[in-house]
Amino acid sequence: MTLYYSLTFLLLVFEMAVFMALIVPLPFTIKRKLFAFISESPIVAKLQYGLKITFIFILILFIDSVNRVFRVQQELSAFSKEGNGIGAAHLGTDRMEVQARKFYSQRNMYLCGFTLFLSLILNRTYTMILEVLRLEDRVKLLEGDKRAGGKDSARVAEAGSLGEIGRLKKELEAKDRDIETLKKQAEGLSSEYYKLGDQVSGNKGDKNEKKGQ
């Protein structure tokens, strides 16, 4: 195995270890602090940036390995179509050599493919865990847990739901405008009610005065 495929294998093992660490059940407080550290650490940010560049090279290796598998498959098809012009021993040796190259090409293709696929799973798992932490913290706040909503919670919420916060702020502003509109309508209705009450009471007073006369 060449050096870059060996490094790809090590990266695959590292991704498997990270995935196992992500799915290990931990107490809520410890998990929240851990993900707050991950979201704020500059070292982790640099590591993520380097991994993104590495995955681009792995994608290139994956495309190259798929191309090699396709070419080797074509060579095997050509061997199967050849006649008796070539000696059986020589043909068998060449066929074994091509099959060996096919095996290595397929191995490299699977290695790069699983590494890329696991990177997508890790990214999605990390995002889902951040969302779960944010929702758990919101539930604790609604239940009246004063320990919830600390600095770590704010960091996790900021890391996982900046767009959600912006959307909630817009909804809150719209609700405030609706409340102000309802207040104005209620004030208008109450003033109209008092005016009608005054008019009714005034009409009754006029009728009583006429009856008295």
N, C-alpha and C. Protein backbone atom coordinates (compact mmCIF):
# COMPACT_ATOMS: atom_id res chain seq x y z
N MET A 1 0.85 -1.19 0.00
CA MET A 1 0.00 0.00 0.00
C MET A 1 0.88 1.24 0.00
N THR A 2 0.60 2.17 -0.90
CA THR A 2 1.41 3.38 -1.00
C THR A 2 1.16 4.29 0.20
N LEU A 3 1.99 5.34 0.30
CA LEU A 3 1.94 6.21 1.47
C LEU A 3 0.60 6.92 1.60
N TYR A 4 0.09 7.46 0.49
CA TYR A 4 -1.16 8.23 0.61
C TYR A 4 -2.35 7.34 0.92
N TYR A 5 -2.34 6.10 0.45
CA TYR A 5 -3.42 5.20 0.83
C TYR A 5 -3.27 4.72 2.27
N SER A 6 -2.04 4.62 2.75
CA SER A 6 -1.84 4.30 4.16
C SER A 6 -2.36 5.43 5.05
N LEU A 7 -2.09 6.68 4.63
CA LEU A 7 -2.62 7.83 5.39
C LEU A 7 -4.14 7.87 5.33
N THR A 8 -4.70 7.49 4.19
CA THR A 8 -6.16 7.43 4.08
C THR A 8 -6.74 6.40 5.04
N PHE A 9 -6.06 5.26 5.16
CA PHE A 9 -6.51 4.22 6.09
C PHE A 9 -6.43 4.73 7.54
N LEU A 10 -5.36 5.45 7.87
CA LEU A 10 -5.25 6.01 9.22
C LEU A 10 -6.36 7.03 9.48
N LEU A 11 -6.69 7.82 8.46
CA LEU A 11 -7.78 8.79 8.61
C LEU A 11 -9.11 8.07 8.81
N LEU A 12 -9.30 6.95 8.12
CA LEU A 12 -10.52 6.17 8.30
C LEU A 12 -10.62 5.63 9.72
N VAL A 13 -9.52 5.13 10.26
CA VAL A 13 -9.51 4.65 11.64
C VAL A 13 -9.80 5.79 12.61
N PHE A 14 -9.22 6.98 12.34
CA PHE A 14 -9.46 8.14 13.19
C PHE A 14 -10.94 8.54 13.15
N GLU A 15 -11.55 8.49 11.98
CA GLU A 15 -12.97 8.83 11.87
C GLU A 15 -13.83 7.82 12.63
N MET A 16 -13.46 6.56 12.57
CA MET A 16 -14.21 5.55 13.32
C MET A 16 -14.11 5.80 14.82
N ALA A 17 -12.92 6.18 15.28
CA ALA A 17 -12.74 6.46 16.71
C ALA A 17 -13.55 7.69 17.12
N VAL A 18 -13.56 8.73 16.28
CA VAL A 18 -14.34 9.93 16.60
C VAL A 18 -15.83 9.62 16.63
N PHE A 19 -16.27 8.81 15.68
CA PHE A 19 -17.69 8.45 15.64
C PHE A 19 -18.09 7.68 16.90
N MET A 20 -17.25 6.76 17.33
CA MET A 20 -17.54 6.02 18.56
C MET A 20 -17.57 6.95 19.76
N ALA A 21 -16.67 7.95 19.77
CA ALA A 21 -16.66 8.91 20.88
C ALA A 21 -17.93 9.78 20.87
N LEU A 22 -18.45 10.07 19.70
CA LEU A 22 -19.65 10.91 19.62
C LEU A 22 -20.89 10.18 20.13
N ILE A 23 -20.96 8.88 19.87
CA ILE A 23 -22.17 8.14 20.25
C ILE A 23 -22.08 7.55 21.65
N VAL A 24 -20.97 7.75 22.35
CA VAL A 24 -20.86 7.25 23.72
C VAL A 24 -21.81 8.05 24.61
N PRO A 25 -22.68 7.41 25.38
CA PRO A 25 -23.59 8.16 26.26
C PRO A 25 -22.84 8.83 27.40
N LEU A 26 -23.03 10.14 27.52
CA LEU A 26 -22.39 10.93 28.57
C LEU A 26 -23.45 11.77 29.28
N PRO A 27 -23.19 12.18 30.52
CA PRO A 27 -24.13 13.10 31.18
C PRO A 27 -24.29 14.40 30.40
N PHE A 28 -25.46 15.01 30.54
CA PHE A 28 -25.78 16.19 29.75
C PHE A 28 -24.78 17.32 29.99
N THR A 29 -24.41 17.56 31.23
CA THR A 29 -23.49 18.67 31.54
C THR A 29 -22.12 18.45 30.91
N ILE A 30 -21.61 17.23 31.03
CA ILE A 30 -20.28 16.94 30.46
C ILE A 30 -20.31 17.05 28.94
N LYS A 31 -21.36 16.52 28.32
CA LYS A 31 -21.47 16.58 26.87
C LYS A 31 -21.59 18.03 26.39
N ARG A 32 -22.33 18.85 27.13
CA ARG A 32 -22.50 20.25 26.75
C ARG A 32 -21.17 21.00 26.83
N LYS A 33 -20.40 20.76 27.89
CA LYS A 33 -19.09 21.41 28.01
C LYS A 33 -18.13 20.93 26.93
N LEU A 34 -18.20 19.63 26.62
CA LEU A 34 -17.31 19.08 25.60
C LEU A 34 -17.58 19.71 24.23
N PHE A 35 -18.85 19.82 23.87
CA PHE A 35 -19.18 20.38 22.56
C PHE A 35 -18.98 21.89 22.53
N ALA A 36 -19.11 22.54 23.68
CA ALA A 36 -18.79 23.96 23.73
C ALA A 36 -17.29 24.19 23.50
N PHE A 37 -16.47 23.30 24.07
CA PHE A 37 -15.02 23.40 23.83
C PHE A 37 -14.68 23.14 22.37
N ILE A 38 -15.33 22.13 21.78
CA ILE A 38 -15.06 21.81 20.37
C ILE A 38 -15.45 22.97 19.47
N SER A 39 -16.57 23.61 19.76
CA SER A 39 -17.05 24.69 18.90
C SER A 39 -16.24 25.96 19.03
N GLU A 40 -15.49 26.12 20.15
CA GLU A 40 -14.75 27.36 20.38
C GLU A 40 -13.24 27.21 20.24
N SER A 41 -12.73 25.98 20.27
CA SER A 41 -11.28 25.78 20.27
C SER A 41 -10.68 26.16 18.91
N PRO A 42 -9.67 27.03 18.89
CA PRO A 42 -9.03 27.38 17.60
C PRO A 42 -8.25 26.20 17.01
N ILE A 43 -7.74 25.32 17.87
CA ILE A 43 -7.00 24.16 17.37
C ILE A 43 -7.94 23.23 16.61
N VAL A 44 -9.13 23.02 17.17
CA VAL A 44 -10.11 22.16 16.48
C VAL A 44 -10.56 22.80 15.17
N ALA A 45 -10.68 24.12 15.17
CA ALA A 45 -11.08 24.81 13.93
C ALA A 45 -10.01 24.63 12.84
N LYS A 46 -8.73 24.74 13.22
CA LYS A 46 -7.66 24.53 12.24
C LYS A 46 -7.64 23.07 11.77
N LEU A 47 -7.89 22.14 12.70
CA LEU A 47 -7.92 20.73 12.33
C LEU A 47 -9.05 20.45 11.34
N GLN A 48 -10.21 21.05 11.57
CA GLN A 48 -11.33 20.86 10.65
C GLN A 48 -11.02 21.44 9.27
N TYR A 49 -10.34 22.58 9.24
CA TYR A 49 -9.97 23.18 7.95
C TYR A 49 -8.98 22.28 7.20
N GLY A 50 -8.01 21.73 7.94
CA GLY A 50 -7.06 20.82 7.29
C GLY A 50 -7.72 19.54 6.80
N LEU A 51 -8.71 19.04 7.56
CA LEU A 51 -9.41 17.84 7.13
C LEU A 51 -10.23 18.09 5.87
N LYS A 52 -10.80 19.28 5.74
CA LYS A 52 -11.56 19.59 4.52
C LYS A 52 -10.66 19.53 3.29
N ILE A 53 -9.44 20.07 3.41
CA ILE A 53 -8.50 20.02 2.29
C ILE A 53 -8.09 18.56 2.01
N THR A 54 -7.89 17.80 3.10
CA THR A 54 -7.51 16.39 2.94
C THR A 54 -8.60 15.60 2.22
N PHE A 55 -9.85 15.89 2.54
CA PHE A 55 -10.95 15.17 1.91
C PHE A 55 -11.06 15.50 0.42
N ILE A 56 -10.62 16.67 0.04
CA ILE A 56 -10.59 17.01 -1.39
C ILE A 56 -9.60 16.10 -2.13
N PHE A 57 -8.42 15.90 -1.53
CA PHE A 57 -7.43 15.00 -2.14
C PHE A 57 -7.94 13.55 -2.14
N ILE A 58 -8.64 13.15 -1.08
CA ILE A 58 -9.17 11.79 -1.03
C ILE A 58 -10.23 11.61 -2.11
N LEU A 59 -11.02 12.65 -2.36
CA LEU A 59 -12.00 12.58 -3.44
C LEU A 59 -11.31 12.38 -4.79
N ILE A 60 -10.19 13.06 -5.00
CA ILE A 60 -9.43 12.87 -6.24
C ILE A 60 -8.91 11.43 -6.33
N LEU A 61 -8.40 10.89 -5.21
CA LEU A 61 -7.94 9.50 -5.20
C LEU A 61 -9.09 8.53 -5.48
N PHE A 62 -10.26 8.84 -4.95
CA PHE A 62 -11.42 7.98 -5.19
C PHE A 62 -11.79 7.96 -6.67
N ILE A 63 -11.80 9.13 -7.30
CA ILE A 63 -12.12 9.18 -8.73
C ILE A 63 -11.07 8.42 -9.54
N ASP A 64 -9.78 8.57 -9.16
CA ASP A 64 -8.72 7.86 -9.87
C ASP A 64 -8.85 6.35 -9.68
N SER A 65 -9.20 5.92 -8.48
CA SER A 65 -9.34 4.47 -8.24
C SER A 65 -10.52 3.89 -9.00
N VAL A 66 -11.61 4.65 -9.11
CA VAL A 66 -12.76 4.18 -9.91
C VAL A 66 -12.35 4.04 -11.38
N ASN A 67 -11.58 5.01 -11.86
CA ASN A 67 -11.11 4.94 -13.24
C ASN A 67 -10.20 3.73 -13.46
N ARG A 68 -9.34 3.44 -12.48
CA ARG A 68 -8.45 2.27 -12.60
C ARG A 68 -9.24 0.96 -12.61
N VAL A 69 -10.25 0.88 -11.76
CA VAL A 69 -11.09 -0.33 -11.74
C VAL A 69 -11.78 -0.52 -13.08
N PHE A 70 -12.26 0.55 -13.66
CA PHE A 70 -12.92 0.46 -14.96
C PHE A 70 -11.95 -0.01 -16.05
N ARG A 71 -10.72 0.52 -16.03
CA ARG A 71 -9.74 0.12 -17.04
C ARG A 71 -9.30 -1.34 -16.88
N VAL A 72 -9.12 -1.75 -15.62
CA VAL A 72 -8.72 -3.15 -15.38
C VAL A 72 -9.84 -4.10 -15.79
N GLN A 73 -11.09 -3.69 -15.55
CA GLN A 73 -12.21 -4.52 -15.98
C GLN A 73 -12.25 -4.67 -17.50
N GLN A 74 -11.89 -3.60 -18.19
CA GLN A 74 -11.81 -3.69 -19.65
C GLN A 74 -10.70 -4.64 -20.08
N GLU A 75 -9.56 -4.62 -19.38
CA GLU A 75 -8.47 -5.55 -19.72
C GLU A 75 -8.90 -7.00 -19.50
N LEU A 76 -9.62 -7.26 -18.41
CA LEU A 76 -10.08 -8.62 -18.17
C LEU A 76 -11.06 -9.08 -19.24
N SER A 77 -11.90 -8.16 -19.68
CA SER A 77 -12.84 -8.51 -20.75
C SER A 77 -12.09 -8.82 -22.04
N ALA A 78 -10.98 -8.08 -22.30
CA ALA A 78 -10.18 -8.34 -23.49
C ALA A 78 -9.51 -9.70 -23.41
N PHE A 79 -9.03 -10.10 -22.21
CA PHE A 79 -8.42 -11.42 -22.05
C PHE A 79 -9.43 -12.54 -22.31
N SER A 80 -10.66 -12.33 -21.85
CA SER A 80 -11.66 -13.38 -22.05
C SER A 80 -12.05 -13.55 -23.52
N LYS A 81 -11.85 -12.49 -24.33
CA LYS A 81 -12.21 -12.55 -25.75
C LYS A 81 -11.06 -13.04 -26.63
N GLU A 82 -9.85 -13.14 -26.06
CA GLU A 82 -8.71 -13.56 -26.87
C GLU A 82 -8.79 -15.04 -27.25
N GLY A 83 -8.25 -15.38 -28.38
CA GLY A 83 -8.28 -16.77 -28.85
C GLY A 83 -7.09 -17.57 -28.39
N ASN A 84 -6.72 -18.52 -29.21
CA ASN A 84 -5.61 -19.41 -28.90
C ASN A 84 -4.29 -18.91 -29.47
N GLY A 85 -4.24 -17.65 -29.86
CA GLY A 85 -3.00 -17.14 -30.44
C GLY A 85 -1.89 -17.02 -29.43
N ILE A 86 -2.29 -16.90 -28.14
CA ILE A 86 -1.29 -16.75 -27.08
C ILE A 86 -1.27 -18.03 -26.27
N GLY A 87 -0.12 -18.42 -25.83
CA GLY A 87 0.01 -19.63 -25.04
C GLY A 87 -0.79 -19.56 -23.76
N ALA A 88 -1.27 -20.71 -23.32
CA ALA A 88 -2.13 -20.75 -22.13
C ALA A 88 -1.38 -20.29 -20.89
N ALA A 89 -0.10 -20.70 -20.78
CA ALA A 89 0.67 -20.32 -19.59
C ALA A 89 0.89 -18.81 -19.54
N HIS A 90 1.27 -18.25 -20.70
CA HIS A 90 1.50 -16.80 -20.76
C HIS A 90 0.21 -16.04 -20.52
N LEU A 91 -0.88 -16.52 -21.09
CA LEU A 91 -2.17 -15.87 -20.91
C LEU A 91 -2.62 -15.93 -19.45
N GLY A 92 -2.40 -17.10 -18.82
CA GLY A 92 -2.79 -17.24 -17.42
C GLY A 92 -2.00 -16.32 -16.51
N THR A 93 -0.69 -16.15 -16.81
CA THR A 93 0.14 -15.25 -16.00
C THR A 93 -0.32 -13.81 -16.13
N ASP A 94 -0.58 -13.39 -17.36
CA ASP A 94 -1.05 -12.02 -17.57
C ASP A 94 -2.41 -11.79 -16.91
N ARG A 95 -3.26 -12.79 -16.98
CA ARG A 95 -4.59 -12.66 -16.37
C ARG A 95 -4.49 -12.53 -14.86
N MET A 96 -3.60 -13.30 -14.24
CA MET A 96 -3.42 -13.20 -12.80
C MET A 96 -2.88 -11.82 -12.41
N GLU A 97 -1.98 -11.30 -13.24
CA GLU A 97 -1.43 -9.96 -12.96
C GLU A 97 -2.51 -8.89 -13.04
N VAL A 98 -3.40 -9.02 -14.03
CA VAL A 98 -4.49 -8.05 -14.18
C VAL A 98 -5.49 -8.19 -13.04
N GLN A 99 -5.76 -9.43 -12.63
CA GLN A 99 -6.67 -9.63 -11.51
C GLN A 99 -6.10 -9.07 -10.20
N ALA A 100 -4.78 -9.17 -10.05
CA ALA A 100 -4.15 -8.58 -8.87
C ALA A 100 -4.30 -7.07 -8.88
N ARG A 101 -4.09 -6.46 -10.06
CA ARG A 101 -4.28 -5.00 -10.16
C ARG A 101 -5.74 -4.61 -9.92
N LYS A 102 -6.67 -5.46 -10.34
CA LYS A 102 -8.08 -5.19 -10.09
C LYS A 102 -8.38 -5.22 -8.60
N PHE A 103 -7.79 -6.20 -7.91
CA PHE A 103 -8.00 -6.30 -6.47
C PHE A 103 -7.49 -5.05 -5.75
N TYR A 104 -6.29 -4.59 -6.07
CA TYR A 104 -5.73 -3.41 -5.43
C TYR A 104 -6.53 -2.15 -5.79
N SER A 105 -6.99 -2.07 -7.03
CA SER A 105 -7.78 -0.91 -7.43
C SER A 105 -9.12 -0.87 -6.69
N GLN A 106 -9.75 -2.04 -6.56
CA GLN A 106 -11.00 -2.09 -5.82
C GLN A 106 -10.80 -1.78 -4.34
N ARG A 107 -9.70 -2.29 -3.78
CA ARG A 107 -9.40 -1.99 -2.38
C ARG A 107 -9.24 -0.50 -2.17
N ASN A 108 -8.49 0.17 -3.05
CA ASN A 108 -8.30 1.62 -2.93
C ASN A 108 -9.61 2.37 -3.12
N MET A 109 -10.46 1.90 -4.03
CA MET A 109 -11.75 2.54 -4.26
C MET A 109 -12.63 2.44 -3.01
N TYR A 110 -12.70 1.26 -2.42
CA TYR A 110 -13.51 1.08 -1.21
C TYR A 110 -12.95 1.89 -0.04
N LEU A 111 -11.63 1.93 0.07
CA LEU A 111 -11.00 2.67 1.16
C LEU A 111 -11.33 4.15 1.08
N CYS A 112 -11.14 4.73 -0.09
CA CYS A 112 -11.44 6.17 -0.26
C CYS A 112 -12.94 6.43 -0.15
N GLY A 113 -13.75 5.53 -0.72
CA GLY A 113 -15.19 5.73 -0.66
C GLY A 113 -15.72 5.69 0.77
N PHE A 114 -15.30 4.71 1.56
CA PHE A 114 -15.76 4.62 2.94
C PHE A 114 -15.26 5.80 3.77
N THR A 115 -14.06 6.28 3.48
CA THR A 115 -13.54 7.44 4.21
C THR A 115 -14.39 8.68 3.94
N LEU A 116 -14.73 8.91 2.69
CA LEU A 116 -15.56 10.06 2.34
C LEU A 116 -16.97 9.91 2.92
N PHE A 117 -17.52 8.71 2.83
CA PHE A 117 -18.87 8.48 3.33
C PHE A 117 -18.94 8.68 4.84
N LEU A 118 -17.94 8.20 5.56
CA LEU A 118 -17.92 8.35 7.01
C LEU A 118 -17.74 9.81 7.41
N SER A 119 -17.03 10.59 6.59
CA SER A 119 -16.89 12.02 6.89
C SER A 119 -18.24 12.72 6.83
N LEU A 120 -19.09 12.34 5.87
CA LEU A 120 -20.44 12.91 5.80
C LEU A 120 -21.28 12.50 7.00
N ILE A 121 -21.14 11.24 7.42
CA ILE A 121 -21.88 10.77 8.60
C ILE A 121 -21.44 11.51 9.85
N LEU A 122 -20.14 11.73 9.99
CA LEU A 122 -19.63 12.45 11.16
C LEU A 122 -20.17 13.89 11.20
N ASN A 123 -20.16 14.54 10.06
CA ASN A 123 -20.65 15.92 10.01
C ASN A 123 -22.13 15.98 10.40
N ARG A 124 -22.91 15.06 9.86
CA ARG A 124 -24.34 15.05 10.18
C ARG A 124 -24.59 14.68 11.63
N THR A 125 -23.83 13.72 12.17
CA THR A 125 -23.98 13.33 13.57
C THR A 125 -23.63 14.47 14.51
N TYR A 126 -22.56 15.20 14.20
CA TYR A 126 -22.17 16.34 15.03
C TYR A 126 -23.26 17.41 15.04
N THR A 127 -23.83 17.70 13.88
CA THR A 127 -24.90 18.70 13.80
C THR A 127 -26.13 18.25 14.58
N MET A 128 -26.49 16.98 14.47
CA MET A 128 -27.66 16.48 15.18
C MET A 128 -27.45 16.51 16.69
N ILE A 129 -26.24 16.20 17.17
CA ILE A 129 -25.98 16.23 18.60
C ILE A 129 -26.07 17.66 19.12
N LEU A 130 -25.56 18.63 18.36
CA LEU A 130 -25.69 20.03 18.76
C LEU A 130 -27.15 20.43 18.87
N GLU A 131 -27.96 19.99 17.92
CA GLU A 131 -29.38 20.31 17.94
C GLU A 131 -30.07 19.68 19.15
N VAL A 132 -29.71 18.42 19.46
CA VAL A 132 -30.29 17.75 20.61
C VAL A 132 -29.90 18.45 21.91
N LEU A 133 -28.65 18.87 22.03
CA LEU A 133 -28.21 19.59 23.22
C LEU A 133 -28.96 20.90 23.38
N ARG A 134 -29.15 21.60 22.26
CA ARG A 134 -29.88 22.88 22.33
C ARG A 134 -31.32 22.66 22.77
N LEU A 135 -31.97 21.61 22.25
CA LEU A 135 -33.35 21.34 22.61
C LEU A 135 -33.46 20.85 24.06
N GLU A 136 -32.52 20.04 24.50
CA GLU A 136 -32.53 19.59 25.89
C GLU A 136 -32.36 20.76 26.85
N ASP A 137 -31.50 21.68 26.51
CA ASP A 137 -31.30 22.84 27.37
C ASP A 137 -32.54 23.71 27.39
N ARG A 138 -33.22 23.84 26.25
CA ARG A 138 -34.45 24.63 26.22
C ARG A 138 -35.53 23.98 27.08
N VAL A 139 -35.61 22.64 27.04
CA VAL A 139 -36.58 21.94 27.87
C VAL A 139 -36.28 22.16 29.35
N LYS A 140 -35.01 22.10 29.72
CA LYS A 140 -34.65 22.32 31.13
C LYS A 140 -34.99 23.74 31.56
N LEU A 141 -34.80 24.72 30.66
CA LEU A 141 -35.17 26.09 31.00
C LEU A 141 -36.68 26.22 31.19
N LEU A 142 -37.44 25.57 30.33
CA LEU A 142 -38.89 25.63 30.46
C LEU A 142 -39.39 24.93 31.70
N GLU A 143 -38.67 23.90 32.13
CA GLU A 143 -39.05 23.19 33.35
C GLU A 143 -38.59 23.91 34.61
N GLY A 144 -37.83 24.97 34.46
CA GLY A 144 -37.42 25.76 35.62
C GLY A 144 -36.10 25.39 36.22
N ASP A 145 -35.26 24.71 35.46
CA ASP A 145 -33.93 24.34 35.95
C ASP A 145 -33.01 25.54 35.79
N LYS A 146 -32.62 26.16 36.89
CA LYS A 146 -31.78 27.36 36.85
C LYS A 146 -30.36 27.06 36.41
N ARG A 147 -29.94 25.83 36.55
CA ARG A 147 -28.57 25.48 36.13
C ARG A 147 -28.44 25.44 34.63
N ALA A 148 -29.55 25.30 33.93
CA ALA A 148 -29.52 25.29 32.47
C ALA A 148 -29.38 26.71 31.96
N GLY A 149 -28.94 26.82 30.73
CA GLY A 149 -28.83 28.13 30.11
C GLY A 149 -27.59 28.90 30.49
N GLY A 150 -26.54 28.20 30.94
CA GLY A 150 -25.30 28.87 31.29
C GLY A 150 -24.48 29.24 30.08
N LYS A 151 -23.20 29.51 30.33
CA LYS A 151 -22.31 29.91 29.23
C LYS A 151 -22.13 28.79 28.23
N ASP A 152 -21.97 27.56 28.74
CA ASP A 152 -21.78 26.43 27.82
C ASP A 152 -23.00 26.24 26.93
N SER A 153 -24.17 26.40 27.51
CA SER A 153 -25.39 26.26 26.70
C SER A 153 -25.46 27.33 25.62
N ALA A 154 -25.07 28.54 25.99
CA ALA A 154 -25.09 29.62 25.00
C ALA A 154 -24.10 29.35 23.88
N ARG A 155 -22.95 28.79 24.21
CA ARG A 155 -21.97 28.48 23.17
C ARG A 155 -22.49 27.40 22.23
N VAL A 156 -23.09 26.36 22.80
CA VAL A 156 -23.63 25.29 21.96
C VAL A 156 -24.76 25.80 21.08
N ALA A 157 -25.63 26.61 21.68
CA ALA A 157 -26.73 27.16 20.89
C ALA A 157 -26.22 28.05 19.78
N GLU A 158 -25.17 28.83 20.08
CA GLU A 158 -24.61 29.70 19.05
C GLU A 158 -23.94 28.89 17.95
N ALA A 159 -23.29 27.77 18.35
CA ALA A 159 -22.62 26.94 17.35
C ALA A 159 -23.61 26.21 16.46
N GLY A 160 -24.76 25.82 17.02
CA GLY A 160 -25.66 24.98 16.27
C GLY A 160 -26.89 25.64 15.70
N SER A 161 -27.24 26.86 16.15
CA SER A 161 -28.54 27.40 15.75
C SER A 161 -28.52 28.92 15.57
N LEU A 162 -27.54 29.45 14.88
CA LEU A 162 -27.54 30.88 14.61
C LEU A 162 -28.71 31.27 13.71
N GLY A 163 -28.95 30.46 12.71
CA GLY A 163 -30.09 30.74 11.83
C GLY A 163 -31.41 30.60 12.56
N GLU A 164 -31.51 29.64 13.49
CA GLU A 164 -32.73 29.46 14.27
C GLU A 164 -32.99 30.67 15.15
N ILE A 165 -31.93 31.22 15.75
CA ILE A 165 -32.10 32.40 16.60
C ILE A 165 -32.59 33.58 15.79
N GLY A 166 -32.01 33.77 14.60
CA GLY A 166 -32.47 34.86 13.75
C GLY A 166 -33.93 34.71 13.35
N ARG A 167 -34.33 33.48 13.06
CA ARG A 167 -35.72 33.25 12.68
C ARG A 167 -36.65 33.51 13.85
N LEU A 168 -36.26 33.08 15.05
CA LEU A 168 -37.09 33.30 16.23
C LEU A 168 -37.19 34.79 16.57
N LYS A 169 -36.11 35.54 16.35
CA LYS A 169 -36.17 36.98 16.60
C LYS A 169 -37.16 37.66 15.66
N LYS A 170 -37.14 37.25 14.38
CA LYS A 170 -38.09 37.82 13.43
C LYS A 170 -39.53 37.48 13.81
N GLU A 171 -39.74 36.24 14.24
CA GLU A 171 -41.09 35.86 14.66
C GLU A 171 -41.52 36.64 15.89
N LEU A 172 -40.57 36.87 16.82
CA LEU A 172 -40.89 37.63 18.02
C LEU A 172 -41.25 39.08 17.67
N GLU A 173 -40.51 39.67 16.74
CA GLU A 173 -40.84 41.02 16.32
C GLU A 173 -42.21 41.09 15.66
N ALA A 174 -42.53 40.07 14.85
CA ALA A 174 -43.85 40.04 14.22
C ALA A 174 -44.96 39.89 15.27
N LYS A 175 -44.72 39.05 16.30
CA LYS A 175 -45.71 38.90 17.37
C LYS A 175 -45.88 40.22 18.13
N ASP A 176 -44.76 40.93 18.37
CA ASP A 176 -44.86 42.22 19.07
C ASP A 176 -45.69 43.21 18.26
N ARG A 177 -45.49 43.22 16.94
CA ARG A 177 -46.29 44.12 16.11
C ARG A 177 -47.77 43.75 16.15
N ASP A 178 -48.05 42.46 16.14
CA ASP A 178 -49.45 42.02 16.22
C ASP A 178 -50.07 42.41 17.55
N ILE A 179 -49.27 42.30 18.62
CA ILE A 179 -49.79 42.67 19.95
C ILE A 179 -50.08 44.17 20.01
N GLU A 180 -49.18 44.97 19.45
CA GLU A 180 -49.42 46.41 19.43
C GLU A 180 -50.67 46.76 18.63
N THR A 181 -50.86 46.06 17.50
CA THR A 181 -52.06 46.29 16.69
C THR A 181 -53.32 45.92 17.45
N LEU A 182 -53.27 44.79 18.17
CA LEU A 182 -54.42 44.37 18.96
C LEU A 182 -54.70 45.34 20.09
N LYS A 183 -53.64 45.88 20.69
CA LYS A 183 -53.84 46.87 21.77
C LYS A 183 -54.54 48.11 21.24
N LYS A 184 -54.11 48.58 20.05
CA LYS A 184 -54.74 49.76 19.47
C LYS A 184 -56.20 49.48 19.13
N GLN A 185 -56.47 48.30 18.59
CA GLN A 185 -57.85 47.95 18.27
C GLN A 185 -58.70 47.86 19.53
N ALA A 186 -58.11 47.28 20.61
CA ALA A 186 -58.85 47.17 21.86
C ALA A 186 -59.14 48.56 22.44
N GLU A 187 -58.15 49.46 22.36
CA GLU A 187 -58.38 50.82 22.86
C GLU A 187 -59.47 51.52 22.06
N GLY A 188 -59.44 51.32 20.72
CA GLY A 188 -60.49 51.92 19.89
C GLY A 188 -61.87 51.37 20.22
N LEU A 189 -61.96 50.05 20.43
CA LEU A 189 -63.24 49.45 20.77
C LEU A 189 -63.74 49.89 22.13
N SER A 190 -62.82 50.01 23.08
CA SER A 190 -63.24 50.45 24.41
C SER A 190 -63.73 51.90 24.39
N SER A 191 -63.05 52.75 23.62
CA SER A 191 -63.50 54.15 23.52
C SER A 191 -64.87 54.23 22.85
N GLU A 192 -65.07 53.42 21.80
CA GLU A 192 -66.38 53.39 21.15
C GLU A 192 -67.45 52.87 22.10
N TYR A 193 -67.09 51.89 22.91
CA TYR A 193 -68.05 51.36 23.87
C TYR A 193 -68.47 52.41 24.88
N TYR A 194 -67.47 53.17 25.39
CA TYR A 194 -67.80 54.22 26.36
C TYR A 194 -68.65 55.32 25.72
N LYS A 195 -68.35 55.65 24.45
CA LYS A 195 -69.15 56.65 23.76
C LYS A 195 -70.59 56.20 23.60
N LEU A 196 -70.77 54.94 23.19
CA LEU A 196 -72.12 54.41 23.06
C LEU A 196 -72.85 54.36 24.40
N GLY A 197 -72.08 54.01 25.46
CA GLY A 197 -72.67 54.00 26.80
C GLY A 197 -73.13 55.38 27.22
N ASP A 198 -72.30 56.39 26.92
CA ASP A 198 -72.68 57.77 27.25
C ASP A 198 -73.90 58.20 26.46
N GLN A 199 -73.94 57.83 25.19
CA GLN A 199 -75.09 58.19 24.37
C GLN A 199 -76.36 57.53 24.87
N VAL A 200 -76.27 56.23 25.22
CA VAL A 200 -77.45 55.53 25.73
C VAL A 200 -77.92 56.14 27.04
N SER A 201 -76.99 56.40 27.92
CA SER A 201 -77.38 57.00 29.20
C SER A 201 -77.96 58.39 29.00
N GLY A 202 -77.41 59.15 28.02
CA GLY A 202 -77.96 60.48 27.73
C GLY A 202 -79.36 60.39 27.15
N ASN A 203 -79.62 59.45 26.27
CA ASN A 203 -80.97 59.27 25.71
C ASN A 203 -81.96 58.88 26.78
N LYS A 204 -81.55 58.01 27.71
CA LYS A 204 -82.45 57.65 28.81
C LYS A 204 -82.77 58.84 29.69
N GLY A 205 -81.78 59.69 29.92
CA GLY A 205 -82.02 60.87 30.75
C GLY A 205 -83.00 61.82 30.07
N ASP A 206 -82.87 61.98 28.74
CA ASP A 206 -83.81 62.87 28.02
C ASP A 206 -85.21 62.32 28.09
N LYS A 207 -85.39 61.01 27.95
CA LYS A 207 -86.72 60.40 28.01
C LYS A 207 -87.32 60.57 29.39
N ASN A 208 -86.55 60.44 30.42
CA ASN A 208 -87.06 60.60 31.79
C ASN A 208 -87.48 62.04 32.04
N GLU A 209 -86.71 62.98 31.47
CA GLU A 209 -87.07 64.39 31.65
C GLU A 209 -88.39 64.71 30.94
N LYS A 210 -88.56 64.12 29.73
CA LYS A 210 -89.81 64.36 28.98
C LYS A 210 -91.01 63.76 29.74
N LYS A 211 -90.83 62.57 30.34
CA LYS A 211 -91.91 61.95 31.11
C LYS A 211 -92.24 62.78 32.34
N GLY A 212 -91.24 63.36 32.95
CA GLY A 212 -91.47 64.19 34.13
C GLY A 212 -92.26 65.45 33.80
N GLN A 213 -92.04 65.98 32.59
CA GLN A 213 -92.78 67.17 32.19
C GLN A 213 -94.24 66.83 31.91
